[in-house]
Amino acid sequence: MTKSQIILFRILFVLYLAAVLYLCFGHFEHIPSVKRSFWGIPSDKLVHFCMFFPFPIIAYLAFDQFTETVPQTLLFTGVTLVLGLLLAMGTELGQAKLTHHRSGDSFDFLADSLAIAISSIIVFFLDVRKQKK
């Protein structure tokens, strides 16, 4: 990956984090209502899943040069997983403690965690596959 691509992906990573924080703490009272569930899954949990799924992927693109061996990839995946979970936990705790218009929800954290875990596993296997080529 070229230096300009790395810089671009790091900027994208910062913008992604800013967007997640905006979506977690913003006021959205004027947005029209959507269906409450999709295939029996509450729609807000799907939104949380979709919001946190890109975290490991964008982190990998921004910091790919640190994963040249399988042990490095495993370490990177673990660190990314922990940081993603801390971000998810921080947003839920922040919503519960710092805002009056949002509430923290343990099921939102579960949806966030599931998205981060699945995406981390995908990134791990794709990177290991890339190393074998």
C-alpha atoms as a PDB file:
ATOM      1  CA  MET A   1       0.000   0.000   0.000  1.00  0.00           C
ATOM      2  CA  THR A   2       1.342   3.435  -0.882  1.00  0.00           C
ATOM      3  CA  LYS A   3       1.925   6.190   1.657  1.00  0.00           C
ATOM      4  CA  SER A   4      -0.909   8.272   0.187  1.00  0.00           C
ATOM      5  CA  GLN A   5      -3.313   5.322   0.507  1.00  0.00           C
ATOM      6  CA  ILE A   6      -2.324   4.854   4.144  1.00  0.00           C
ATOM      7  CA  ILE A   7      -2.938   8.544   4.843  1.00  0.00           C
ATOM      8  CA  LEU A   8      -6.289   8.382   3.035  1.00  0.00           C
ATOM      9  CA  PHE A   9      -7.411   5.335   5.048  1.00  0.00           C
ATOM     10  CA  ARG A  10      -6.297   6.949   8.310  1.00  0.00           C
ATOM     11  CA  ILE A  11      -8.330  10.044   7.472  1.00  0.00           C
ATOM     12  CA  LEU A  12     -11.263   7.746   6.633  1.00  0.00           C
ATOM     13  CA  PHE A  13     -10.799   6.022  10.015  1.00  0.00           C
ATOM     14  CA  VAL A  14     -10.977   9.346  11.883  1.00  0.00           C
ATOM     15  CA  LEU A  15     -14.042  10.392   9.863  1.00  0.00           C
ATOM     16  CA  TYR A  16     -15.664   7.029  10.601  1.00  0.00           C
ATOM     17  CA  LEU A  17     -15.075   7.492  14.351  1.00  0.00           C
ATOM     18  CA  ALA A  18     -16.533  11.001  14.162  1.00  0.00           C
ATOM     19  CA  ALA A  19     -19.603   9.664  12.337  1.00  0.00           C
ATOM     20  CA  VAL A  20     -20.125   6.931  14.945  1.00  0.00           C
ATOM     21  CA  LEU A  21     -19.936   9.481  17.755  1.00  0.00           C
ATOM     22  CA  TYR A  22     -22.340  11.772  15.932  1.00  0.00           C
ATOM     23  CA  LEU A  23     -24.805   8.943  15.343  1.00  0.00           C
ATOM     24  CA  CYS A  24     -24.566   7.805  18.959  1.00  0.00           C
ATOM     25  CA  PHE A  25     -24.940  11.232  20.576  1.00  0.00           C
ATOM     26  CA  GLY A  26     -26.859  13.322  18.033  1.00  0.00           C
ATOM     27  CA  HIS A  27     -30.437  14.527  18.272  1.00  0.00           C
ATOM     28  CA  PHE A  28     -32.632  12.747  15.742  1.00  0.00           C
ATOM     29  CA  GLU A  29     -36.177  13.608  16.837  1.00  0.00           C
ATOM     30  CA  HIS A  30     -37.136  14.946  13.396  1.00  0.00           C
ATOM     31  CA  ILE A  31     -36.289  11.812  11.457  1.00  0.00           C
ATOM     32  CA  PRO A  32     -39.354   9.893  10.253  1.00  0.00           C
ATOM     33  CA  SER A  33     -40.193   6.640  12.017  1.00  0.00           C
ATOM     34  CA  VAL A  34     -39.073   3.347  10.499  1.00  0.00           C
ATOM     35  CA  LYS A  35     -40.333  -0.165  10.954  1.00  0.00           C
ATOM     36  CA  ARG A  36     -39.708  -1.313  14.515  1.00  0.00           C
ATOM     37  CA  SER A  37     -38.316  -4.669  13.418  1.00  0.00           C
ATOM     38  CA  PHE A  38     -36.943  -6.494  10.416  1.00  0.00           C
ATOM     39  CA  TRP A  39     -37.342 -10.281  10.411  1.00  0.00           C
ATOM     40  CA  GLY A  40     -38.095 -10.057  14.113  1.00  0.00           C
ATOM     41  CA  ILE A  41     -34.887  -8.164  14.913  1.00  0.00           C
ATOM     42  CA  PRO A  42     -35.413  -4.659  16.337  1.00  0.00           C
ATOM     43  CA  SER A  43     -34.364  -2.116  13.720  1.00  0.00           C
ATOM     44  CA  ASP A  44     -32.240  -0.111  16.148  1.00  0.00           C
ATOM     45  CA  LYS A  45     -30.144  -3.229  16.833  1.00  0.00           C
ATOM     46  CA  LEU A  46     -29.593  -3.646  13.083  1.00  0.00           C
ATOM     47  CA  VAL A  47     -28.495  -0.017  12.902  1.00  0.00           C
ATOM     48  CA  HIS A  48     -26.009  -0.606  15.723  1.00  0.00           C
ATOM     49  CA  PHE A  49     -24.697  -3.725  13.986  1.00  0.00           C
ATOM     50  CA  CYS A  50     -24.234  -1.844  10.703  1.00  0.00           C
ATOM     51  CA  MET A  51     -22.658   1.113  12.458  1.00  0.00           C
ATOM     52  CA  PHE A  52     -19.931  -0.925  14.206  1.00  0.00           C
ATOM     53  CA  PHE A  53     -19.301  -3.618  11.568  1.00  0.00           C
ATOM     54  CA  PRO A  54     -16.891  -1.408   9.554  1.00  0.00           C
ATOM     55  CA  PHE A  55     -14.662  -0.622  12.564  1.00  0.00           C
ATOM     56  CA  PRO A  56     -12.188  -3.552  12.192  1.00  0.00           C
ATOM     57  CA  ILE A  57     -12.192  -3.279   8.394  1.00  0.00           C
ATOM     58  CA  ILE A  58     -11.359   0.430   8.346  1.00  0.00           C
ATOM     59  CA  ALA A  59      -8.826  -0.027  11.166  1.00  0.00           C
ATOM     60  CA  TYR A  60      -7.150  -2.777   9.146  1.00  0.00           C
ATOM     61  CA  LEU A  61      -7.018  -0.619   6.023  1.00  0.00           C
ATOM     62  CA  ALA A  62      -5.564   2.269   8.035  1.00  0.00           C
ATOM     63  CA  PHE A  63      -2.938   0.170   9.849  1.00  0.00           C
ATOM     64  CA  ASP A  64      -2.343  -2.804   7.523  1.00  0.00           C
ATOM     65  CA  GLN A  65       1.433  -2.396   7.585  1.00  0.00           C
ATOM     66  CA  PHE A  66       1.539  -3.817  11.138  1.00  0.00           C
ATOM     67  CA  THR A  67       0.319  -7.267  10.043  1.00  0.00           C
ATOM     68  CA  GLU A  68       3.088  -8.980   8.111  1.00  0.00           C
ATOM     69  CA  THR A  69       2.987 -12.290  10.008  1.00  0.00           C
ATOM     70  CA  VAL A  70       0.182 -14.426  11.434  1.00  0.00           C
ATOM     71  CA  PRO A  71       1.124 -13.628  15.066  1.00  0.00           C
ATOM     72  CA  GLN A  72       1.085  -9.908  14.224  1.00  0.00           C
ATOM     73  CA  THR A  73      -2.304 -10.341  12.589  1.00  0.00           C
ATOM     74  CA  LEU A  74      -3.607 -12.159  15.660  1.00  0.00           C
ATOM     75  CA  LEU A  75      -2.312  -9.386  17.921  1.00  0.00           C
ATOM     76  CA  PHE A  76      -3.716  -6.685  15.646  1.00  0.00           C
ATOM     77  CA  THR A  77      -7.094  -8.431  15.537  1.00  0.00           C
ATOM     78  CA  GLY A  78      -7.152  -8.742  19.322  1.00  0.00           C
ATOM     79  CA  VAL A  79      -6.242  -5.099  19.851  1.00  0.00           C
ATOM     80  CA  THR A  80      -8.802  -3.995  17.270  1.00  0.00           C
ATOM     81  CA  LEU A  81     -11.463  -6.148  18.924  1.00  0.00           C
ATOM     82  CA  VAL A  82     -10.730  -4.715  22.382  1.00  0.00           C
ATOM     83  CA  LEU A  83     -10.621  -1.118  21.111  1.00  0.00           C
ATOM     84  CA  GLY A  84     -13.876  -1.632  19.211  1.00  0.00           C
ATOM     85  CA  LEU A  85     -15.543  -3.066  22.299  1.00  0.00           C
ATOM     86  CA  LEU A  86     -14.264  -0.140  24.379  1.00  0.00           C
ATOM     87  CA  LEU A  87     -15.687   2.282  21.803  1.00  0.00           C
ATOM     88  CA  ALA A  88     -19.032   0.477  21.873  1.00  0.00           C
ATOM     89  CA  MET A  89     -19.086   0.399  25.668  1.00  0.00           C
ATOM     90  CA  GLY A  90     -18.062   4.042  25.846  1.00  0.00           C
ATOM     91  CA  THR A  91     -20.856   5.141  23.544  1.00  0.00           C
ATOM     92  CA  GLU A  92     -23.471   3.221  25.526  1.00  0.00           C
ATOM     93  CA  LEU A  93     -22.186   4.486  28.873  1.00  0.00           C
ATOM     94  CA  GLY A  94     -21.935   7.993  27.456  1.00  0.00           C
ATOM     95  CA  GLN A  95     -25.508   7.840  26.230  1.00  0.00           C
ATOM     96  CA  ALA A  96     -26.676   6.669  29.649  1.00  0.00           C
ATOM     97  CA  LYS A  97     -24.633   9.070  31.777  1.00  0.00           C
ATOM     98  CA  LEU A  98     -24.001  12.154  29.661  1.00  0.00           C
ATOM     99  CA  THR A  99     -27.203  12.707  27.695  1.00  0.00           C
ATOM    100  CA  HIS A 100     -30.832  13.237  28.524  1.00  0.00           C
ATOM    101  CA  HIS A 101     -32.092  12.492  25.018  1.00  0.00           C
ATOM    102  CA  ARG A 102     -30.448   9.043  24.627  1.00  0.00           C
ATOM    103  CA  SER A 103     -30.282   5.989  26.839  1.00  0.00           C
ATOM    104  CA  GLY A 104     -27.689   3.260  27.143  1.00  0.00           C
ATOM    105  CA  ASP A 105     -28.896  -0.215  26.251  1.00  0.00           C
ATOM    106  CA  SER A 106     -27.066  -3.466  26.938  1.00  0.00           C
ATOM    107  CA  PHE A 107     -28.667  -5.024  23.841  1.00  0.00           C
ATOM    108  CA  ASP A 108     -27.243  -2.192  21.726  1.00  0.00           C
ATOM    109  CA  PHE A 109     -23.832  -3.064  23.166  1.00  0.00           C
ATOM    110  CA  LEU A 110     -24.487  -6.715  22.316  1.00  0.00           C
ATOM    111  CA  ALA A 111     -25.293  -5.784  18.693  1.00  0.00           C
ATOM    112  CA  ASP A 112     -22.171  -3.593  18.537  1.00  0.00           C
ATOM    113  CA  SER A 113     -20.029  -6.383  20.002  1.00  0.00           C
ATOM    114  CA  LEU A 114     -21.379  -8.993  17.620  1.00  0.00           C
ATOM    115  CA  ALA A 115     -20.645  -6.742  14.635  1.00  0.00           C
ATOM    116  CA  ILE A 116     -17.110  -6.008  15.820  1.00  0.00           C
ATOM    117  CA  ALA A 117     -16.404  -9.688  16.541  1.00  0.00           C
ATOM    118  CA  ILE A 118     -17.689 -10.936  13.178  1.00  0.00           C
ATOM    119  CA  SER A 119     -15.866  -8.217  11.277  1.00  0.00           C
ATOM    120  CA  SER A 120     -12.641  -8.888  13.224  1.00  0.00           C
ATOM    121  CA  ILE A 121     -12.787 -12.581  12.344  1.00  0.00           C
ATOM    122  CA  ILE A 122     -13.311 -11.735   8.677  1.00  0.00           C
ATOM    123  CA  VAL A 123     -10.362  -9.320   8.705  1.00  0.00           C
ATOM    124  CA  PHE A 124      -8.163 -11.914  10.429  1.00  0.00           C
ATOM    125  CA  PHE A 125      -8.841 -14.607   7.837  1.00  0.00           C
ATOM    126  CA  LEU A 126      -8.520 -12.218   4.882  1.00  0.00           C
ATOM    127  CA  ASP A 127      -5.171 -10.962   6.154  1.00  0.00           C
ATOM    128  CA  VAL A 128      -3.848 -14.472   6.791  1.00  0.00           C
ATOM    129  CA  ARG A 129      -4.963 -15.431   3.284  1.00  0.00           C
ATOM    130  CA  LYS A 130      -3.178 -12.366   1.884  1.00  0.00           C
ATOM    131  CA  GLN A 131       0.027 -13.376   3.707  1.00  0.00           C
ATOM    132  CA  LYS A 132      -0.029 -16.858   2.200  1.00  0.00           C
ATOM    133  CA  LYS A 133      -0.100 -15.479  -1.357  1.00  0.00           C
END
